[in-house]
């Protein structure tokens, strides 16, 4: 019995020993202050041409010639494809002939009407005959207008057999070759012409980062104008040679992601940037009066970042919103701490929430 009691006492003191040791330990701490720091904010981005125009035929027919190659740079108005023109030339000639025939019909009807008017004035024919000839003249003129409209359509169709580039740009993939039958109802375009003199680079930022960009400005245009140039990191890790500028910030926060879309513009004189590519936007900004803490002072719980704040002799777990600094060893605190707070900087893995501790 005595041995059993001694064993229980030993186990009790053994269990209390680590907890007592944790409470007796003295933990390093720091008092929160503010500083100025330059931070590079990096965001995944997608690259698109200023205009990516899908080219569809406006008439049906067989492609007789492909005038360009994939990746070729073209000018506005340059021929891309030629659709077989033989049936459209025939239709144009017929329309021209119909117009001439209609003009002759109008001239004849005019002569008849003028003659009938004189005869009516001389009381040779009745008013009915005169009005009938007038209606025949009006019918002939209507036929001429219809023929002229058909001629315009035939001319347009003839023009549409030559598919032209609507802008300066670069030709994309060409899935259709000479001999292919095409129509305006095609499910995919003949090709795409990308206007890539300037490239649009799209990326998204969080609502908190968005508020950080716009705070202190009276409107969105002023906030955009105040932003510094941005850099573009390409997919291979190299930095694009020319800086870009932020052109627009969406005024709508996506409710499904809580993010805001931003568009930056980069010059592309050398044609290095291609529509559909990806990269990363680097925005370098100076942050004034911000809180910077070491990453080692934090711990994660369900993908959230916490620190232990020292309050009335206890370690109180406090959630933070943070951004990783350029050195990868510090966090820029966006919310959760303020100047004058005291946090534990070492041994946070040994502490429990609301545990009494000693600090140095």
Protein backbone atom coordinates (compact mmCIF):
# COMPACT_ATOMS: atom_id res chain seq x y z
CA UNK A 1 0.00 0.00 0.00
CA UNK A 2 2.78 2.38 0.93
CA UNK A 3 4.65 1.48 -2.26
CA UNK A 4 1.56 2.20 -4.36
CA UNK A 5 1.07 5.61 -2.75
CA UNK A 6 4.73 6.44 -3.32
CA UNK A 7 4.39 5.50 -6.96
CA UNK A 8 1.29 7.73 -7.41
CA UNK A 9 3.05 10.64 -5.76
CA UNK A 10 6.03 10.14 -8.09
CA UNK A 11 3.80 10.16 -11.18
CA UNK A 12 1.94 13.28 -9.97
CA UNK A 13 5.12 15.23 -9.48
CA UNK A 14 6.55 13.91 -12.75
CA UNK A 15 3.48 15.23 -14.67
CA UNK A 16 3.64 18.59 -12.93
CA UNK A 17 7.34 19.01 -13.63
CA UNK A 18 7.15 20.04 -17.38
CA UNK A 19 4.24 22.41 -16.72
CA UNK A 20 6.03 23.98 -13.78
CA UNK A 21 9.22 24.20 -15.85
CA UNK A 22 7.30 26.01 -18.63
CA UNK A 23 5.88 28.50 -16.15
CA UNK A 24 9.26 29.04 -14.52
CA UNK A 25 11.02 29.59 -17.87
CA UNK A 26 11.77 33.16 -18.88
CA UNK A 27 10.86 33.96 -22.51
CA UNK A 28 12.45 36.54 -24.75
CA UNK A 29 10.10 39.30 -25.80
CA UNK A 30 9.95 42.52 -27.77
CA UNK A 31 7.96 45.71 -27.48
CA UNK A 32 6.21 46.59 -30.71
CA UNK A 33 7.32 49.75 -32.49
CA UNK A 34 6.92 51.13 -35.98
CA UNK A 35 9.41 51.64 -38.78
CA UNK A 36 9.66 52.50 -42.49
CA UNK A 37 10.36 49.63 -44.85
CA UNK A 38 10.44 48.93 -48.58
CA UNK A 39 8.46 45.84 -49.49
CA UNK A 40 8.10 44.06 -52.82
CA UNK A 41 4.57 42.79 -53.27
CA UNK A 42 4.43 39.85 -55.72
CA UNK A 43 1.27 38.66 -57.47
CA UNK A 44 0.65 35.93 -60.10
CA UNK A 45 -0.38 37.53 -63.38
CA UNK A 46 -1.70 36.69 -66.84
CA UNK A 47 -0.57 38.47 -70.01
CA UNK A 48 -2.90 39.43 -72.83
CA UNK A 49 -2.58 41.50 -75.98
CA UNK A 50 -4.12 44.95 -76.04
CA UNK A 51 -6.64 43.45 -78.43
CA UNK A 52 -7.06 39.77 -79.25
CA UNK A 53 -9.39 39.84 -82.24
CA UNK A 54 -10.95 36.61 -83.50
CA UNK A 55 -11.14 36.63 -87.30
CA UNK A 56 -14.30 35.06 -88.77
CA UNK A 57 -15.35 35.02 -92.46
CA UNK A 58 -18.34 37.14 -93.40
CA UNK A 59 -19.28 34.99 -96.43
CA UNK A 60 -19.37 31.27 -97.06
CA UNK A 61 -16.97 29.65 -99.49
CA UNK A 62 -13.75 27.73 -100.00
CA UNK A 63 -10.44 29.24 -98.95
CA UNK A 64 -8.40 29.71 -102.11
CA UNK A 65 -5.32 31.26 -100.47
CA UNK A 66 -3.81 31.74 -97.01
CA UNK A 67 -1.79 34.95 -97.23
CA UNK A 68 0.03 34.87 -93.87
CA UNK A 69 1.88 32.52 -91.58
CA UNK A 70 1.37 31.81 -87.91
CA UNK A 71 3.30 34.31 -85.77
CA UNK A 72 3.70 36.76 -88.65
CA UNK A 73 3.35 40.46 -87.90
CA UNK A 74 0.69 42.13 -90.06
CA UNK A 75 -0.52 45.66 -90.64
CA UNK A 76 -4.08 46.91 -90.49
CA UNK A 77 -5.81 46.21 -93.84
CA UNK A 78 -3.37 43.48 -94.89
CA UNK A 79 -4.86 40.36 -96.49
CA UNK A 80 -5.06 37.28 -94.27
CA UNK A 81 -7.20 34.90 -96.38
CA UNK A 82 -8.85 34.91 -99.79
CA UNK A 83 -12.10 33.01 -100.26
CA UNK A 84 -12.89 31.68 -103.74
CA UNK A 85 -14.12 34.76 -105.63
CA UNK A 86 -15.61 33.11 -108.78
CA UNK A 87 -19.23 32.78 -107.55
CA UNK A 88 -19.12 36.24 -106.01
CA UNK A 89 -17.80 37.82 -109.23
CA UNK A 90 -20.68 36.20 -111.10
CA UNK A 91 -23.17 37.48 -108.52
CA UNK A 92 -21.68 40.96 -108.82
CA UNK A 93 -21.95 40.95 -112.62
CA UNK A 94 -25.54 39.81 -112.41
CA UNK A 95 -26.33 42.55 -109.90
CA UNK A 96 -24.72 45.16 -112.16
CA UNK A 97 -26.77 43.88 -115.12
CA UNK A 98 -29.97 44.00 -113.06
CA UNK A 99 -29.26 47.63 -112.19
CA UNK A 100 -28.79 48.55 -115.85
CA UNK A 101 -32.00 46.71 -116.76
CA UNK A 102 -33.87 48.50 -113.97
CA UNK A 103 -32.54 51.85 -115.14
CA UNK A 104 -33.82 51.13 -118.65
CA UNK A 105 -37.18 50.16 -117.20
CA UNK A 106 -37.37 53.44 -115.28
CA UNK A 107 -36.47 55.43 -118.40
CA UNK A 108 -39.18 53.67 -120.42
CA UNK A 109 -41.78 54.14 -117.69
CA UNK A 110 -40.82 57.82 -117.47
CA UNK A 111 -41.37 58.30 -121.22
CA UNK A 112 -44.75 56.59 -121.05
CA UNK A 113 -45.82 58.64 -118.09
CA UNK A 114 -44.73 61.95 -119.66
CA UNK A 115 -46.66 61.04 -122.83
CA UNK A 116 -49.76 60.07 -120.87
CA UNK A 117 -49.68 63.34 -118.96
CA UNK A 118 -49.78 65.36 -122.21
CA UNK A 119 -52.53 63.20 -123.63
CA UNK A 120 -54.51 63.60 -120.42
CA UNK A 121 -54.11 67.38 -120.58
CA UNK A 122 -55.46 67.27 -124.15
CA UNK A 123 -58.32 65.12 -122.89
CA UNK A 124 -57.31 62.27 -125.20
CA UNK A 125 -57.05 59.67 -122.41
CA UNK A 126 -58.73 59.27 -119.10
CA UNK A 127 -57.27 60.12 -115.71
CA UNK A 128 -57.20 56.39 -114.96
CA UNK A 129 -54.76 55.75 -117.83
CA UNK A 130 -52.55 58.61 -116.70
CA UNK A 131 -52.47 57.41 -113.08
CA UNK A 132 -51.79 53.86 -114.19
CA UNK A 133 -48.69 55.00 -116.10
CA UNK A 134 -47.55 56.97 -113.05
CA UNK A 135 -47.83 53.86 -110.87
CA UNK A 136 -45.87 51.88 -113.43
CA UNK A 137 -43.13 54.54 -113.20
CA UNK A 138 -43.09 54.28 -109.39
CA UNK A 139 -42.89 50.49 -109.66
CA UNK A 140 -39.94 50.77 -112.04
CA UNK A 141 -38.14 53.16 -109.68
CA UNK A 142 -38.72 50.77 -106.77
CA UNK A 143 -37.28 47.95 -108.88
CA UNK A 144 -34.23 50.10 -109.58
CA UNK A 145 -33.73 50.80 -105.86
CA UNK A 146 -34.00 47.08 -105.12
CA UNK A 147 -31.47 46.25 -107.84
CA UNK A 148 -29.08 48.89 -106.52
CA UNK A 149 -29.39 47.45 -103.00
CA UNK A 150 -28.60 43.99 -104.37
CA UNK A 151 -25.59 45.49 -106.14
CA UNK A 152 -24.32 46.93 -102.85
CA UNK A 153 -24.71 43.51 -101.23
CA UNK A 154 -22.89 41.83 -104.12
CA UNK A 155 -20.04 44.37 -103.90
CA UNK A 156 -19.77 43.86 -100.14
CA UNK A 157 -19.75 40.09 -100.52
CA UNK A 158 -17.05 40.42 -103.13
CA UNK A 159 -15.04 42.58 -100.72
CA UNK A 160 -15.56 40.06 -97.90
CA UNK A 161 -13.88 37.35 -99.98
CA UNK A 162 -10.65 39.09 -99.01
CA UNK A 163 -10.34 38.71 -95.23
CA UNK A 164 -8.30 41.67 -93.93
CA UNK A 165 -6.55 42.32 -90.63
CA UNK A 166 -8.54 44.86 -88.58
CA UNK A 167 -5.49 46.02 -86.59
CA UNK A 168 -1.71 45.92 -86.53
CA UNK A 169 -0.68 42.78 -84.71
CA UNK A 170 0.59 39.22 -84.72
CA UNK A 171 -1.21 36.30 -86.35
CA UNK A 172 -2.14 33.42 -84.08
CA UNK A 173 -2.88 29.78 -84.88
CA UNK A 174 -4.35 29.08 -88.34
CA UNK A 175 -6.52 25.95 -88.16
CA UNK A 176 -7.93 26.29 -91.72
CA UNK A 177 -5.88 25.93 -94.89
CA UNK A 178 -6.48 26.36 -98.62
CA UNK A 179 -9.39 24.22 -99.78
CA UNK A 180 -11.27 24.32 -96.49
CA UNK A 181 -14.96 25.24 -96.65
CA UNK A 182 -15.72 28.07 -94.23
CA UNK A 183 -18.73 30.17 -93.24
CA UNK A 184 -19.72 32.87 -90.72
CA UNK A 185 -21.16 30.12 -88.50
CA UNK A 186 -17.77 28.51 -87.83
CA UNK A 187 -17.34 27.35 -84.21
CA UNK A 188 -13.73 28.62 -84.19
CA UNK A 189 -12.12 31.61 -85.92
CA UNK A 190 -9.93 31.47 -89.01
CA UNK A 191 -7.20 32.91 -86.78
CA UNK A 192 -6.62 35.53 -84.11
CA UNK A 193 -4.77 38.80 -84.56
CA UNK A 194 -3.22 40.07 -81.36
CA UNK A 195 -2.44 43.78 -81.10
CA UNK A 196 0.65 43.44 -78.91
CA UNK A 197 2.31 46.84 -79.21
CA UNK A 198 1.28 47.19 -75.59
CA UNK A 199 0.43 44.24 -73.38
CA UNK A 200 -2.16 44.10 -70.63
CA UNK A 201 -1.06 42.23 -67.51
CA UNK A 202 -3.89 41.26 -65.17
CA UNK A 203 -3.50 40.31 -61.52
CA UNK A 204 -5.58 40.33 -58.33
CA UNK A 205 -4.98 41.61 -54.82
CA UNK A 206 -6.81 41.03 -51.55
CA UNK A 207 -9.37 43.44 -50.17
CA UNK A 208 -6.95 44.47 -47.41
CA UNK A 209 -4.19 45.20 -49.94
CA UNK A 210 -6.71 47.13 -52.06
CA UNK A 211 -7.61 49.32 -49.10
CA UNK A 212 -3.91 49.90 -48.50
CA UNK A 213 -3.52 51.16 -52.07
CA UNK A 214 -6.47 53.54 -51.92
CA UNK A 215 -6.32 54.87 -48.36
CA UNK A 216 -5.51 58.57 -48.20
CA UNK A 217 -6.72 59.33 -51.72
CA UNK A 218 -9.90 61.18 -52.62
CA UNK A 219 -10.77 58.94 -55.56
CA UNK A 220 -9.59 55.93 -57.57
CA UNK A 221 -7.90 57.93 -60.33
CA UNK A 222 -5.74 59.75 -57.79
CA UNK A 223 -4.81 56.43 -56.15
CA UNK A 224 -3.81 54.91 -59.50
CA UNK A 225 -1.75 57.98 -60.44
CA UNK A 226 0.17 57.78 -57.16
CA UNK A 227 1.28 54.16 -57.64
CA UNK A 228 4.91 53.52 -58.61
CA UNK A 229 5.94 51.64 -61.78
CA UNK A 230 5.70 47.86 -61.59
CA UNK A 231 8.03 45.12 -62.78
CA UNK A 232 7.13 41.90 -64.58
CA UNK A 233 8.84 38.62 -63.78
CA UNK A 234 8.53 36.25 -66.72
CA UNK A 235 7.86 32.53 -66.48
CA UNK A 236 11.59 31.75 -66.70
CA UNK A 237 12.34 33.95 -63.67
CA UNK A 238 13.88 36.82 -65.63
CA UNK A 239 12.68 40.38 -65.10
CA UNK A 240 11.20 42.02 -68.20
CA UNK A 241 13.40 44.89 -69.35
CA UNK A 242 10.77 47.66 -69.43
CA UNK A 243 8.73 48.75 -66.41
CA UNK A 244 4.95 48.95 -66.60
CA UNK A 245 2.32 51.18 -65.11
CA UNK A 246 -0.91 50.34 -63.33
CA UNK A 247 -3.70 51.63 -65.56
CA UNK A 248 -6.95 50.54 -63.92
CA UNK A 249 -8.21 49.09 -60.65
CA UNK A 250 -11.58 47.37 -60.66
CA UNK A 251 -14.21 49.09 -58.55
CA UNK A 252 -15.84 45.75 -57.68
CA UNK A 253 -14.63 43.23 -55.11
CA UNK A 254 -15.23 39.65 -56.26
CA UNK A 255 -17.55 38.20 -53.57
CA UNK A 256 -16.38 34.64 -54.24
CA UNK A 257 -12.67 35.36 -53.72
CA UNK A 258 -12.60 38.70 -51.90
CA UNK A 259 -10.13 40.00 -54.46
CA UNK A 260 -9.86 43.06 -56.69
CA UNK A 261 -8.65 42.89 -60.31
CA UNK A 262 -5.90 45.24 -61.50
CA UNK A 263 -4.59 45.87 -65.01
CA UNK A 264 -1.04 47.00 -65.71
CA UNK A 265 0.28 48.05 -69.13
CA UNK A 266 3.74 47.16 -70.49
CA UNK A 267 5.34 48.29 -73.75
CA UNK A 268 6.19 45.46 -76.13
CA UNK A 269 8.21 46.98 -78.95
CA UNK A 270 10.43 43.91 -79.29
CA UNK A 271 7.49 41.50 -79.29
CA UNK A 272 8.93 39.48 -76.39
CA UNK A 273 5.64 39.35 -74.52
CA UNK A 274 2.97 37.06 -75.96
CA UNK A 275 -0.74 36.92 -75.35
CA UNK A 276 -1.68 33.98 -73.14
CA UNK A 277 1.62 33.91 -71.25
CA UNK A 278 1.94 34.08 -67.46
CA UNK A 279 4.25 35.86 -65.07
CA UNK A 280 4.38 37.70 -61.75
CA UNK A 281 3.86 41.38 -61.04
CA UNK A 282 6.35 42.97 -58.63
CA UNK A 283 5.14 46.15 -56.95
CA UNK A 284 7.79 47.85 -54.82
CA UNK A 285 6.33 50.23 -52.26
CA UNK A 286 7.62 52.12 -49.24
CA UNK A 287 5.54 51.48 -46.15
CA UNK A 288 5.77 54.12 -43.43
CA UNK A 289 5.15 53.57 -39.72
CA UNK A 290 4.56 49.84 -40.07
CA UNK A 291 5.05 47.00 -37.62
CA UNK A 292 7.72 44.43 -38.49
CA UNK A 293 8.12 41.23 -36.45
CA UNK A 294 10.33 38.15 -36.90
CA UNK A 295 8.65 35.10 -38.40
CA UNK A 296 10.07 33.03 -35.54
CA UNK A 297 7.79 34.90 -33.13
CA UNK A 298 4.68 33.51 -34.84
CA UNK A 299 2.94 30.17 -35.06
CA UNK A 300 0.32 28.77 -37.44
CA UNK A 301 -3.02 27.26 -36.56
CA UNK A 302 -5.29 26.10 -39.41
CA UNK A 303 -3.36 28.26 -41.89
CA UNK A 304 -3.78 31.35 -39.70
CA UNK A 305 -0.87 33.31 -38.20
CA UNK A 306 -0.75 33.99 -34.44
CA UNK A 307 1.61 35.50 -31.87
CA UNK A 308 1.55 35.37 -28.10
CA UNK A 309 0.91 38.84 -26.74
CA UNK A 310 2.01 39.41 -23.14
CA UNK A 311 -1.01 40.74 -21.22
CA UNK A 312 -1.17 40.94 -17.39
CA UNK A 313 1.45 38.25 -16.93
CA UNK A 314 -0.17 35.84 -19.40
CA UNK A 315 0.55 34.75 -22.97
CA UNK A 316 -2.55 35.55 -25.02
CA UNK A 317 -2.78 34.06 -28.54
CA UNK A 318 -3.50 36.89 -31.01
CA UNK A 319 -4.36 36.42 -34.66
CA UNK A 320 -2.54 38.58 -37.22
CA UNK A 321 -2.93 39.60 -40.84
CA UNK A 322 0.59 39.70 -42.22
CA UNK A 323 2.62 40.05 -45.39
CA UNK A 324 6.00 38.40 -45.82
CA UNK A 325 8.85 40.89 -46.20
CA UNK A 326 11.48 40.74 -48.93
CA UNK A 327 14.04 39.01 -46.71
CA UNK A 328 11.66 36.13 -46.00
CA UNK A 329 12.46 36.31 -42.27
CA UNK A 330 10.03 39.01 -41.15
CA UNK A 331 6.34 39.71 -41.35
CA UNK A 332 4.81 43.07 -42.10
CA UNK A 333 1.83 43.20 -39.72
CA UNK A 334 -1.31 44.59 -41.32
CA UNK A 335 -3.61 44.08 -38.34
CA UNK A 336 -3.61 42.46 -34.89
CA UNK A 337 -0.86 44.45 -33.15
CA UNK A 338 -0.20 48.07 -32.34
CA UNK A 339 2.76 50.06 -31.08
CA UNK A 340 3.46 49.40 -27.40
CA UNK A 341 2.25 45.79 -27.39
CA UNK A 342 4.66 43.19 -26.00
CA UNK A 343 4.99 39.81 -27.74
CA UNK A 344 6.94 36.62 -27.04
CA UNK A 345 9.69 36.13 -29.61
CA UNK A 346 11.16 32.74 -28.67
CA UNK A 347 9.79 29.41 -27.50
CA UNK A 348 6.24 30.04 -28.71
CA UNK A 349 5.85 26.33 -29.39
CA UNK A 350 6.14 25.59 -25.67
CA UNK A 351 3.41 27.95 -24.52
CA UNK A 352 -0.35 27.49 -24.23
CA UNK A 353 -2.95 30.23 -24.63
CA UNK A 354 -3.55 32.23 -21.40
CA UNK A 355 -0.61 30.54 -19.67
CA UNK A 356 1.17 32.60 -17.02
CA UNK A 357 4.75 33.27 -18.10
CA UNK A 358 7.76 35.41 -17.32
CA UNK A 359 9.47 37.52 -19.94
CA UNK A 360 12.79 39.25 -20.36
